Amino acid sequence: MTETPATSVRARSRKKNRLLLAARWFGIGAGALWLLASLMLVALRWVDPPTTAVHMQRRVQAWVQHRPYHERYKFIPLGQISLNLQHAVIAAEDARFYQHHGFDWHQIELAAGEDMEGGRIRGGSTITQQLVKNLFFGTGRSILRKGAEFTLVPVAELVLGKRRILELYLNVVEWGPGIYGAEPASHAWYRTDARNIDREKASRLAAILPAPLKRRPERMNRYSAIILERMRQMGW
């Protein structure tokens, strides 16, 4: 059957309508997910997270690769984490943590030039950005993920505050294969509680955060020295 101009126009119109409908439903779905994540951030002001996207990602990876996986995760109050470790992580990961409102634009500009032995001690992401990524997105990279992260970071800063953001981050971040949080990390690497970590051990633990599956504290001599110097310069 020969296609007439009228049927061709109707076909294009139906295709356009289907695309518009798909885009509308995608927008509704994305908005609903954003609202859910925002409500979860509000809840995290008082509730400790039972798990995170990174935790679940590692479990799935272990299952797919048919390898054993032992997870150590324990949430403790910030007051039970050594000030040395708190300060070392801030010095290593986000020196302007208490000055910015979620994004450190100055550090983002400098990140590309901060290389040490072929790699960076840290990137341009703030602790707040890393927390949002850990909680909701895992370790993957995409434009959509970055866009969603960009909109959730101000929410986290607004509803959680700096102290709770730091507490959450120190407790959920990955410190080694299957090791999540300052308390399990302190026991796994140094057989002590997080409250007992001294400056030297703290700097070495902080140094493994950019690549926790590859780095080990005892090999972090140079990174540790740089973090200790940053701590000294910051008055810690």
Protein backbone atom coordinates (compact mmCIF):
# COMPACT_ATOMS: atom_id res chain seq x y z
CA MET A 1 0.00 0.00 0.00
CA THR A 2 1.38 3.39 -1.04
CA GLU A 3 1.94 5.83 1.81
CA THR A 4 0.12 9.11 1.27
CA PRO A 5 1.30 12.46 2.65
CA ALA A 6 -1.55 12.37 5.18
CA THR A 7 -0.60 8.93 6.56
CA SER A 8 3.06 9.98 6.69
CA VAL A 9 2.15 13.04 8.76
CA ARG A 10 0.02 10.92 11.12
CA ALA A 11 2.88 8.42 11.56
CA ARG A 12 5.32 11.19 12.42
CA SER A 13 2.79 12.68 14.81
CA ARG A 14 2.29 9.33 16.58
CA LYS A 15 6.07 8.87 16.88
CA LYS A 16 6.46 12.39 18.30
CA ASN A 17 3.68 11.76 20.81
CA ARG A 18 5.28 8.50 21.93
CA LEU A 19 8.60 10.26 22.43
CA LEU A 20 6.94 13.07 24.38
CA LEU A 21 5.10 10.53 26.54
CA ALA A 22 8.32 8.61 27.22
CA ALA A 23 10.13 11.83 28.11
CA ARG A 24 7.29 12.85 30.41
CA TRP A 25 7.32 9.53 32.24
CA PHE A 26 11.12 9.66 32.49
CA GLY A 27 10.87 13.11 34.05
CA ILE A 28 8.21 11.95 36.49
CA GLY A 29 10.30 8.93 37.45
CA ALA A 30 13.45 10.98 37.88
CA GLY A 31 11.59 13.51 39.98
CA ALA A 32 10.11 10.80 42.18
CA LEU A 33 13.55 9.25 42.74
CA TRP A 34 15.03 12.66 43.57
CA LEU A 35 12.25 13.32 46.07
CA LEU A 36 12.78 9.90 47.65
CA ALA A 37 16.53 10.54 47.97
CA SER A 38 15.85 13.96 49.50
CA LEU A 39 13.47 12.45 52.05
CA MET A 40 16.09 9.82 52.87
CA LEU A 41 18.63 12.58 53.50
CA VAL A 42 16.16 14.21 55.89
CA ALA A 43 15.73 10.88 57.71
CA LEU A 44 19.50 10.42 57.91
CA ARG A 45 19.66 13.43 60.18
CA TRP A 46 18.47 11.07 62.91
CA VAL A 47 18.68 7.53 61.47
CA ASP A 48 21.95 5.69 60.78
CA PRO A 49 21.95 4.08 57.31
CA PRO A 50 21.76 0.27 57.38
CA THR A 51 23.56 0.08 54.03
CA THR A 52 24.59 2.22 51.04
CA ALA A 53 24.74 1.98 47.26
CA VAL A 54 28.47 1.19 47.43
CA HIS A 55 27.88 -1.62 49.94
CA MET A 56 25.23 -3.16 47.69
CA GLN A 57 27.40 -2.70 44.62
CA ARG A 58 30.26 -4.64 46.21
CA ARG A 59 27.92 -7.48 47.22
CA VAL A 60 26.61 -7.78 43.68
CA GLN A 61 30.13 -7.69 42.23
CA ALA A 62 31.23 -10.49 44.55
CA TRP A 63 28.16 -12.56 43.64
CA VAL A 64 28.68 -12.06 39.89
CA GLN A 65 32.38 -12.94 40.18
CA HIS A 66 31.64 -15.98 42.38
CA ARG A 67 34.10 -14.91 45.05
CA PRO A 68 33.74 -14.87 48.85
CA TYR A 69 32.73 -11.57 50.38
CA HIS A 70 32.89 -10.67 54.06
CA GLU A 71 31.44 -7.30 54.98
CA ARG A 72 32.42 -5.37 58.10
CA TYR A 73 30.22 -2.36 58.80
CA LYS A 74 29.55 -0.71 62.14
CA PHE A 75 28.18 2.76 62.74
CA ILE A 76 29.48 4.65 65.76
CA PRO A 77 28.95 8.24 67.00
CA LEU A 78 31.40 10.88 65.84
CA GLY A 79 32.53 11.35 69.44
CA GLN A 80 33.90 7.80 69.39
CA ILE A 81 36.13 8.52 66.39
CA SER A 82 39.55 9.97 67.16
CA LEU A 83 39.95 13.66 66.38
CA ASN A 84 43.20 12.64 64.70
CA LEU A 85 41.25 10.56 62.20
CA GLN A 86 38.60 13.22 61.68
CA HIS A 87 41.25 15.84 61.00
CA ALA A 88 43.33 13.56 58.77
CA VAL A 89 40.35 12.72 56.56
CA ILE A 90 39.38 16.38 56.21
CA ALA A 91 42.99 17.35 55.44
CA ALA A 92 43.28 14.59 52.84
CA GLU A 93 39.83 14.71 51.24
CA ASP A 94 38.37 18.17 51.71
CA ALA A 95 40.55 20.80 53.40
CA ARG A 96 37.89 23.51 52.97
CA PHE A 97 35.11 21.31 54.36
CA TYR A 98 33.99 23.87 56.93
CA GLN A 99 34.22 26.80 54.49
CA HIS A 100 32.21 25.64 51.47
CA HIS A 101 28.53 24.78 51.08
CA GLY A 102 28.90 21.43 49.35
CA PHE A 103 31.08 22.33 46.35
CA ASP A 104 34.68 23.54 46.52
CA TRP A 105 35.01 25.33 43.20
CA HIS A 106 38.60 26.33 43.87
CA GLN A 107 39.63 22.73 44.51
CA ILE A 108 37.77 21.53 41.44
CA GLU A 109 39.93 23.84 39.34
CA LEU A 110 43.13 22.63 41.00
CA ALA A 111 42.33 18.91 41.08
CA ALA A 112 43.61 18.16 37.58
CA GLY A 113 47.08 19.46 38.49
CA GLU A 114 47.44 17.75 41.85
CA ASP A 115 49.31 14.59 40.91
CA MET A 116 51.58 12.51 43.07
CA GLU A 117 53.44 9.52 41.68
CA GLY A 118 51.09 9.34 38.72
CA GLY A 119 47.90 9.80 40.77
CA ARG A 120 46.07 12.33 42.86
CA ILE A 121 45.90 12.25 46.60
CA ARG A 122 42.33 13.45 46.09
CA GLY A 123 40.07 14.76 43.37
CA GLY A 124 37.81 17.78 43.28
CA SER A 125 34.88 16.16 45.08
CA THR A 126 34.03 17.37 48.56
CA ILE A 127 33.16 15.12 51.49
CA THR A 128 29.50 16.03 50.97
CA GLN A 129 29.65 15.01 47.31
CA GLN A 130 31.36 11.75 48.19
CA LEU A 131 28.78 11.01 50.87
CA VAL A 132 25.90 11.52 48.43
CA LYS A 133 27.65 9.31 45.88
CA ASN A 134 28.29 6.57 48.45
CA LEU A 135 24.72 6.65 49.74
CA PHE A 136 22.83 6.68 46.44
CA PHE A 137 24.98 6.09 43.36
CA GLY A 138 27.88 3.73 44.00
CA THR A 139 31.23 4.13 42.26
CA GLY A 140 29.98 4.39 38.67
CA ARG A 141 30.40 7.53 36.57
CA SER A 142 27.87 9.11 34.24
CA ILE A 143 26.50 12.51 33.31
CA LEU A 144 23.10 11.62 34.77
CA ARG A 145 24.68 10.54 38.07
CA LYS A 146 26.71 13.74 38.31
CA GLY A 147 23.60 15.79 37.57
CA ALA A 148 21.58 14.06 40.28
CA GLU A 149 24.50 14.37 42.71
CA PHE A 150 24.77 18.09 41.92
CA THR A 151 21.15 18.66 42.96
CA LEU A 152 21.29 16.50 46.11
CA VAL A 153 24.47 17.97 47.60
CA PRO A 154 22.80 21.28 48.61
CA VAL A 155 19.97 19.27 50.21
CA ALA A 156 22.50 17.27 52.24
CA GLU A 157 24.26 20.44 53.37
CA LEU A 158 20.96 22.06 54.35
CA VAL A 159 19.29 19.21 56.24
CA LEU A 160 22.28 17.41 57.74
CA GLY A 161 24.84 20.04 58.71
CA LYS A 162 28.61 19.62 58.75
CA ARG A 163 28.92 17.49 61.89
CA ARG A 164 26.36 14.90 60.73
CA ILE A 165 27.82 14.86 57.20
CA LEU A 166 31.26 14.09 58.61
CA GLU A 167 29.83 11.45 60.96
CA LEU A 168 27.97 9.73 58.13
CA TYR A 169 30.94 9.86 55.79
CA LEU A 170 33.42 8.42 58.27
CA ASN A 171 31.01 5.58 59.04
CA VAL A 172 29.95 4.52 55.54
CA VAL A 173 33.02 5.16 53.38
CA GLU A 174 35.05 2.22 52.06
CA TRP A 175 38.42 1.64 53.80
CA GLY A 176 39.34 -1.66 52.16
CA PRO A 177 37.72 -4.78 50.66
CA GLY A 178 34.46 -5.21 52.58
CA ILE A 179 35.53 -2.66 55.23
CA TYR A 180 33.10 0.22 55.80
CA GLY A 181 33.44 2.81 58.51
CA ALA A 182 36.16 4.10 60.83
CA GLU A 183 35.58 1.48 63.54
CA PRO A 184 35.89 -1.62 61.30
CA ALA A 185 38.84 0.04 59.51
CA SER A 186 40.67 0.69 62.79
CA HIS A 187 40.18 -2.92 63.86
CA ALA A 188 41.03 -4.36 60.44
CA TRP A 189 44.24 -2.39 59.93
CA TYR A 190 45.42 -1.66 63.49
CA ARG A 191 43.43 -3.92 65.83
CA THR A 192 42.19 -1.05 67.95
CA ASP A 193 39.12 1.12 68.36
CA ALA A 194 38.64 4.22 66.24
CA ARG A 195 38.90 6.38 69.36
CA ASN A 196 42.52 5.22 69.84
CA ILE A 197 43.92 6.09 66.40
CA ASP A 198 46.94 8.40 66.66
CA ARG A 199 48.08 10.99 64.10
CA GLU A 200 50.41 8.65 62.22
CA LYS A 201 47.83 5.88 61.86
CA ALA A 202 45.14 8.43 61.02
CA SER A 203 47.17 9.88 58.17
CA ARG A 204 47.78 6.41 56.74
CA LEU A 205 44.10 5.47 56.95
CA ALA A 206 43.12 8.74 55.27
CA ALA A 207 45.66 8.12 52.52
CA ILE A 208 43.95 4.92 51.36
CA LEU A 209 40.51 6.50 50.85
CA PRO A 210 40.99 7.50 47.18
CA ALA A 211 41.70 3.86 46.23
CA PRO A 212 40.64 1.64 49.15
CA LEU A 213 40.67 -1.61 47.16
CA LYS A 214 44.27 -1.10 46.05
CA ARG A 215 46.07 0.80 48.83
CA ARG A 216 47.30 -0.42 52.18
CA PRO A 217 48.18 1.85 55.13
CA GLU A 218 51.70 0.50 55.59
CA ARG A 219 52.61 1.51 52.03
CA MET A 220 51.36 5.09 52.33
CA ASN A 221 54.60 6.69 53.53
CA ARG A 222 54.66 9.62 51.12
CA TYR A 223 50.91 10.26 51.14
CA SER A 224 50.93 10.02 54.95
CA ALA A 225 53.70 12.63 55.21
CA ILE A 226 51.77 15.04 52.97
CA ILE A 227 48.58 14.62 55.02
CA LEU A 228 50.47 15.16 58.28
CA GLU A 229 51.95 18.37 56.87
CA ARG A 230 48.51 19.54 55.79
CA MET A 231 47.21 18.83 59.29
CA ARG A 232 50.05 20.89 60.76
CA GLN A 233 49.35 23.77 58.41
CA MET A 234 45.66 23.68 59.35
CA GLY A 235 46.58 23.96 63.03
CA TRP A 236 45.80 20.38 63.95
